[in-house]
């Protein structure tokens, strides 16, 4: 059961990272930027490794990974209300 919970948690984390990547990147899902985004100052989130495979974990084993998140935009990047579940 614990392994299943870890898998679910990892999927949720990956989903959150994906959402953060596409909502702050200034790109739509297909990589096109809009004209409004090109003319206004805005943050641009960059996550070099947005997906990480934690592999199999035994019960009670702690798994960790540090995600690198950079702002390459010309406005402050504010990340709020993110938590692993």
N, C-alpha and C. Protein backbone atom coordinates (compact mmCIF):
# COMPACT_ATOMS: atom_id res chain seq x y z
N UNK A 1 0.83 -1.19 0.00
CA UNK A 1 0.00 0.00 0.00
C UNK A 1 0.87 1.26 0.00
N UNK A 2 1.96 1.20 0.78
CA UNK A 2 2.83 2.37 0.84
C UNK A 2 3.45 2.65 -0.52
N UNK A 3 3.82 1.57 -1.24
CA UNK A 3 4.41 1.76 -2.58
C UNK A 3 3.39 2.44 -3.50
N UNK A 4 2.13 2.04 -3.41
CA UNK A 4 1.09 2.65 -4.24
C UNK A 4 0.95 4.13 -3.90
N UNK A 5 1.00 4.48 -2.62
CA UNK A 5 0.92 5.88 -2.20
C UNK A 5 2.08 6.69 -2.75
N UNK A 6 3.27 6.10 -2.76
CA UNK A 6 4.44 6.81 -3.29
C UNK A 6 4.31 7.02 -4.78
N UNK A 7 3.77 6.04 -5.49
CA UNK A 7 3.59 6.18 -6.92
C UNK A 7 2.58 7.29 -7.21
N UNK A 8 1.48 7.30 -6.46
CA UNK A 8 0.47 8.34 -6.63
C UNK A 8 1.07 9.70 -6.33
N UNK A 9 1.85 9.81 -5.24
CA UNK A 9 2.49 11.08 -4.88
C UNK A 9 3.43 11.54 -5.98
N UNK A 10 4.20 10.63 -6.55
CA UNK A 10 5.13 10.99 -7.62
C UNK A 10 4.39 11.48 -8.86
N UNK A 11 3.27 10.85 -9.17
CA UNK A 11 2.48 11.28 -10.33
C UNK A 11 1.93 12.68 -10.09
N UNK A 12 1.47 12.95 -8.88
CA UNK A 12 0.95 14.28 -8.55
C UNK A 12 2.05 15.32 -8.65
N UNK A 13 3.24 15.01 -8.15
CA UNK A 13 4.36 15.95 -8.22
C UNK A 13 4.72 16.24 -9.67
N UNK A 14 4.78 15.20 -10.48
CA UNK A 14 5.11 15.38 -11.90
C UNK A 14 4.05 16.25 -12.57
N UNK A 15 2.77 16.02 -12.23
CA UNK A 15 1.70 16.84 -12.79
C UNK A 15 1.83 18.30 -12.39
N UNK A 16 2.16 18.55 -11.12
CA UNK A 16 2.34 19.92 -10.66
C UNK A 16 3.49 20.60 -11.37
N UNK A 17 4.57 19.89 -11.54
CA UNK A 17 5.72 20.45 -12.25
C UNK A 17 5.34 20.79 -13.68
N UNK A 18 4.59 19.92 -14.33
CA UNK A 18 4.14 20.18 -15.69
C UNK A 18 3.25 21.41 -15.76
N UNK A 19 2.33 21.52 -14.81
CA UNK A 19 1.43 22.69 -14.78
C UNK A 19 2.24 23.96 -14.58
N UNK A 20 3.17 23.94 -13.64
CA UNK A 20 4.01 25.12 -13.41
C UNK A 20 4.82 25.46 -14.65
N UNK A 21 5.33 24.46 -15.32
CA UNK A 21 6.14 24.69 -16.51
C UNK A 21 5.35 25.39 -17.61
N UNK A 22 4.14 24.88 -17.89
CA UNK A 22 3.38 25.44 -19.00
C UNK A 22 2.66 26.74 -18.64
N UNK A 23 2.29 26.94 -17.38
CA UNK A 23 1.58 28.17 -17.05
C UNK A 23 2.53 29.35 -16.93
N UNK A 24 3.78 29.14 -16.60
CA UNK A 24 4.71 30.25 -16.44
C UNK A 24 5.70 30.40 -17.57
N UNK A 25 5.64 29.53 -18.55
CA UNK A 25 6.66 29.54 -19.59
C UNK A 25 6.39 30.56 -20.69
N UNK A 26 5.16 31.08 -20.77
CA UNK A 26 4.82 31.98 -21.87
C UNK A 26 4.53 31.23 -23.15
N UNK A 27 4.38 29.92 -23.05
CA UNK A 27 4.11 29.09 -24.22
C UNK A 27 2.82 28.33 -23.99
N UNK A 28 2.11 28.05 -25.07
CA UNK A 28 0.98 27.16 -24.91
C UNK A 28 1.51 25.73 -24.96
N UNK A 29 0.62 24.77 -24.91
CA UNK A 29 1.05 23.37 -24.84
C UNK A 29 1.88 22.95 -26.05
N UNK A 30 1.68 23.61 -27.19
CA UNK A 30 2.41 23.25 -28.40
C UNK A 30 3.66 24.10 -28.62
N UNK A 31 4.00 24.94 -27.69
CA UNK A 31 5.23 25.71 -27.79
C UNK A 31 5.10 27.03 -28.51
N UNK A 32 3.89 27.52 -28.78
CA UNK A 32 3.69 28.79 -29.46
C UNK A 32 3.51 29.90 -28.45
N UNK A 33 4.17 31.01 -28.63
CA UNK A 33 3.96 32.15 -27.74
C UNK A 33 2.90 33.06 -28.32
N UNK A 34 2.15 33.72 -27.46
CA UNK A 34 1.11 34.62 -27.95
C UNK A 34 1.67 36.03 -28.08
N UNK A 35 1.01 36.88 -28.86
CA UNK A 35 1.46 38.26 -29.04
C UNK A 35 1.38 39.03 -27.74
N UNK A 36 0.35 38.79 -26.95
CA UNK A 36 0.21 39.49 -25.66
C UNK A 36 1.38 39.13 -24.75
N UNK A 37 1.81 37.91 -24.77
CA UNK A 37 2.91 37.49 -23.92
C UNK A 37 4.24 38.05 -24.42
N UNK A 38 4.35 38.34 -25.68
CA UNK A 38 5.60 38.85 -26.23
C UNK A 38 5.81 40.31 -25.88
N UNK A 39 4.75 41.07 -25.63
CA UNK A 39 4.89 42.51 -25.42
C UNK A 39 4.90 42.93 -23.95
N UNK A 40 4.54 42.08 -23.01
CA UNK A 40 4.48 42.44 -21.61
C UNK A 40 5.57 41.72 -20.82
N UNK A 41 6.06 42.40 -19.77
CA UNK A 41 7.02 41.75 -18.88
C UNK A 41 6.30 40.61 -18.17
N UNK A 42 6.96 39.47 -18.13
CA UNK A 42 6.38 38.33 -17.45
C UNK A 42 7.47 37.35 -17.06
N UNK A 43 7.17 36.51 -16.08
CA UNK A 43 8.14 35.49 -15.71
C UNK A 43 8.18 34.38 -16.76
N UNK A 44 9.27 33.66 -16.76
CA UNK A 44 9.38 32.49 -17.63
C UNK A 44 10.03 31.39 -16.81
N UNK A 45 9.23 30.41 -16.43
CA UNK A 45 9.75 29.31 -15.62
C UNK A 45 10.50 28.32 -16.51
N UNK A 46 11.66 27.89 -16.06
CA UNK A 46 12.46 26.90 -16.78
C UNK A 46 12.79 25.79 -15.80
N UNK A 47 12.41 24.58 -16.15
CA UNK A 47 12.71 23.40 -15.34
C UNK A 47 13.47 22.43 -16.24
N UNK A 48 14.80 22.40 -16.12
CA UNK A 48 15.59 21.57 -17.03
C UNK A 48 15.21 20.08 -16.99
N UNK A 49 14.82 19.57 -15.82
CA UNK A 49 14.45 18.16 -15.69
C UNK A 49 13.06 18.10 -15.05
N UNK A 50 11.99 18.31 -15.85
CA UNK A 50 10.65 18.38 -15.26
C UNK A 50 10.10 17.03 -14.80
N UNK A 51 10.68 15.94 -15.26
CA UNK A 51 10.22 14.61 -14.88
C UNK A 51 11.39 13.84 -14.30
N UNK A 52 11.15 13.20 -13.16
CA UNK A 52 12.19 12.38 -12.53
C UNK A 52 11.57 11.04 -12.13
N UNK A 53 12.20 9.95 -12.50
CA UNK A 53 11.72 8.62 -12.16
C UNK A 53 12.33 8.19 -10.84
N UNK A 54 11.50 8.10 -9.81
CA UNK A 54 11.98 7.68 -8.50
C UNK A 54 12.25 6.19 -8.44
N UNK A 55 11.83 5.45 -9.43
CA UNK A 55 12.05 4.01 -9.43
C UNK A 55 11.19 3.34 -8.37
N UNK A 56 11.55 2.12 -8.04
CA UNK A 56 10.82 1.38 -7.01
C UNK A 56 11.38 1.74 -5.64
N UNK A 57 10.51 1.89 -4.69
CA UNK A 57 10.92 2.20 -3.32
C UNK A 57 10.30 1.16 -2.40
N UNK A 58 11.08 0.68 -1.47
CA UNK A 58 10.55 -0.27 -0.49
C UNK A 58 9.81 0.49 0.59
N UNK A 59 8.95 -0.21 1.29
CA UNK A 59 8.17 0.43 2.35
C UNK A 59 9.10 1.03 3.40
N UNK A 60 8.84 2.27 3.74
CA UNK A 60 9.65 2.97 4.74
C UNK A 60 10.87 3.68 4.16
N UNK A 61 11.19 3.44 2.91
CA UNK A 61 12.35 4.08 2.28
C UNK A 61 11.99 5.50 1.87
N UNK A 62 12.82 6.45 2.24
CA UNK A 62 12.60 7.84 1.86
C UNK A 62 13.19 8.07 0.48
N UNK A 63 12.42 8.70 -0.39
CA UNK A 63 12.91 9.05 -1.72
C UNK A 63 12.92 10.56 -1.84
N UNK A 64 13.96 11.11 -2.43
CA UNK A 64 14.10 12.56 -2.56
C UNK A 64 14.64 12.90 -3.94
N UNK A 65 14.27 14.10 -4.37
CA UNK A 65 14.85 14.64 -5.60
C UNK A 65 14.70 16.15 -5.55
N UNK A 66 15.73 16.86 -5.89
CA UNK A 66 15.66 18.31 -5.95
C UNK A 66 15.37 18.73 -7.39
N UNK A 67 14.28 19.47 -7.57
CA UNK A 67 13.95 20.02 -8.88
C UNK A 67 14.55 21.41 -8.98
N UNK A 68 15.24 21.67 -10.07
CA UNK A 68 15.82 23.00 -10.31
C UNK A 68 14.77 23.82 -11.06
N UNK A 69 14.43 24.96 -10.50
CA UNK A 69 13.45 25.85 -11.11
C UNK A 69 14.10 27.21 -11.27
N UNK A 70 14.13 27.72 -12.51
CA UNK A 70 14.74 29.03 -12.79
C UNK A 70 13.71 29.95 -13.42
N UNK A 71 13.90 31.23 -13.19
CA UNK A 71 13.08 32.24 -13.85
C UNK A 71 13.96 32.93 -14.89
N UNK A 72 13.67 32.73 -16.16
CA UNK A 72 14.42 33.38 -17.23
C UNK A 72 13.61 34.50 -17.87
N UNK A 73 12.54 34.92 -17.19
CA UNK A 73 11.71 36.00 -17.70
C UNK A 73 12.18 37.34 -17.19
N UNK A 74 11.40 38.37 -17.50
CA UNK A 74 11.77 39.73 -17.10
C UNK A 74 10.80 40.29 -16.06
N UNK A 75 10.13 39.40 -15.31
CA UNK A 75 9.28 39.78 -14.19
C UNK A 75 9.44 38.71 -13.11
N UNK A 76 9.03 39.04 -11.90
CA UNK A 76 9.15 38.11 -10.79
C UNK A 76 8.30 36.87 -11.04
N UNK A 77 8.87 35.72 -10.74
CA UNK A 77 8.15 34.46 -10.80
C UNK A 77 7.69 34.13 -9.39
N UNK A 78 6.38 34.00 -9.20
CA UNK A 78 5.83 33.70 -7.89
C UNK A 78 5.18 32.34 -7.96
N UNK A 79 5.66 31.42 -7.14
CA UNK A 79 5.10 30.07 -7.07
C UNK A 79 4.42 29.95 -5.71
N UNK A 80 3.14 29.66 -5.74
CA UNK A 80 2.36 29.60 -4.50
C UNK A 80 1.61 28.27 -4.41
N UNK A 81 1.34 27.89 -3.17
CA UNK A 81 0.46 26.75 -2.89
C UNK A 81 0.88 25.46 -3.59
N UNK A 82 2.13 25.08 -3.51
CA UNK A 82 2.61 23.82 -4.05
C UNK A 82 2.95 22.91 -2.89
N UNK A 83 2.43 21.69 -2.94
CA UNK A 83 2.76 20.75 -1.88
C UNK A 83 2.66 19.33 -2.44
N UNK A 84 3.57 18.45 -2.03
CA UNK A 84 3.46 17.05 -2.44
C UNK A 84 2.31 16.42 -1.68
N UNK A 85 1.57 15.58 -2.36
CA UNK A 85 0.42 14.95 -1.70
C UNK A 85 0.57 13.46 -1.71
